[in-house]
Amino acid sequence: MVRLAKVKDAEQLKILNTEFNGPNDRTVPQIKESLISNCQEIVIVDDTDGRLTGTDNHSAQSVYNKLGYHRDGEIHMSKS
């Protein structure tokens, strides 16, 4: 199931990030804090029976633009 990441996913996100991008200094508490406070980024995960098998992140603005939301509060539908 594809869904938005939750704070409880932080440990698995750390593991996936290390697998995909190599070792890094980002800690589980830092990932949790980012999931709680970073409203500029949307983290999407693929959850298979409680195990994360994939992740992707996007800026909130790019997601809103793809959905057709604009700052003027109106929804603009693309013709594609």
Protein backbone atom coordinates (compact mmCIF):
# COMPACT_ATOMS: atom_id res chain seq x y z
CA MET A 1 0.00 0.00 0.00
CA VAL A 2 1.32 3.44 -0.89
CA ARG A 3 0.76 6.01 1.85
CA LEU A 4 2.23 9.06 3.53
CA ALA A 5 5.04 8.35 5.97
CA LYS A 6 4.32 8.40 9.68
CA VAL A 7 6.64 9.23 12.58
CA LYS A 8 6.67 5.53 13.53
CA ASP A 9 8.32 4.83 10.13
CA ALA A 10 11.50 6.74 11.00
CA GLU A 11 13.64 3.70 11.82
CA GLN A 12 12.68 1.91 8.62
CA LEU A 13 13.18 5.12 6.64
CA LYS A 14 16.72 5.36 8.03
CA ILE A 15 17.41 1.79 6.86
CA LEU A 16 15.98 2.41 3.39
CA ASN A 17 17.88 5.68 3.05
CA THR A 18 21.14 3.92 3.93
CA GLU A 19 20.41 1.10 1.46
CA PHE A 20 19.63 3.51 -1.38
CA ASN A 21 22.10 6.35 -0.69
CA GLY A 22 24.84 4.78 1.44
CA PRO A 23 25.85 5.60 4.99
CA ASN A 24 24.94 9.04 6.30
CA ASP A 25 24.86 11.02 9.54
CA ARG A 26 21.07 11.42 9.70
CA THR A 27 19.71 9.95 12.92
CA VAL A 28 16.31 8.39 13.61
CA PRO A 29 15.39 11.30 15.95
CA GLN A 30 16.27 13.76 13.16
CA ILE A 31 14.06 11.87 10.72
CA LYS A 32 11.20 11.88 13.24
CA GLU A 33 11.58 15.62 13.78
CA SER A 34 11.61 16.23 10.04
CA LEU A 35 8.43 14.18 9.56
CA ILE A 36 6.75 16.22 12.31
CA SER A 37 7.92 19.71 11.46
CA ASN A 38 8.87 19.91 7.77
CA CYS A 39 5.69 21.01 6.03
CA GLN A 40 7.65 21.74 2.84
CA GLU A 41 8.25 18.04 2.09
CA ILE A 42 5.92 15.10 1.59
CA VAL A 43 7.34 11.61 2.19
CA ILE A 44 5.57 8.72 0.49
CA VAL A 45 6.25 5.08 1.41
CA ASP A 46 5.36 1.67 0.03
CA ASP A 47 4.16 -0.39 2.98
CA THR A 48 3.93 -4.16 2.50
CA ASP A 49 2.42 -5.78 5.59
CA GLY A 50 4.06 -3.27 7.95
CA ARG A 51 7.46 -3.37 6.22
CA LEU A 52 8.56 -0.39 4.15
CA THR A 53 9.77 -1.54 0.75
CA GLY A 54 10.20 1.83 -0.92
CA THR A 55 10.16 5.55 -0.31
CA ASP A 56 10.09 8.80 -2.23
CA ASN A 57 9.88 12.41 -1.19
CA HIS A 58 8.65 15.51 -2.95
CA SER A 59 8.35 19.15 -2.14
CA ALA A 60 4.84 19.98 -1.05
CA GLN A 61 4.62 22.67 -3.72
CA SER A 62 5.43 20.22 -6.54
CA VAL A 63 2.72 17.84 -5.31
CA TYR A 64 0.17 20.64 -5.09
CA ASN A 65 1.11 21.80 -8.59
CA LYS A 66 0.67 18.27 -10.00
CA LEU A 67 -2.74 18.04 -8.33
CA GLY A 68 -3.74 21.37 -9.83
CA TYR A 69 -3.81 23.48 -6.65
CA HIS A 70 -2.53 27.02 -6.94
CA ARG A 71 -1.80 29.76 -4.46
CA ASP A 72 -4.93 31.64 -5.50
CA GLY A 73 -6.99 28.89 -3.84
CA GLU A 74 -8.49 27.64 -7.07
CA ILE A 75 -8.07 24.22 -8.63
CA HIS A 76 -6.81 24.32 -12.20
CA MET A 77 -7.24 21.11 -14.16
CA SER A 78 -4.62 20.20 -16.73
CA LYS A 79 -5.77 19.08 -20.17
CA SER A 80 -3.41 16.11 -20.28
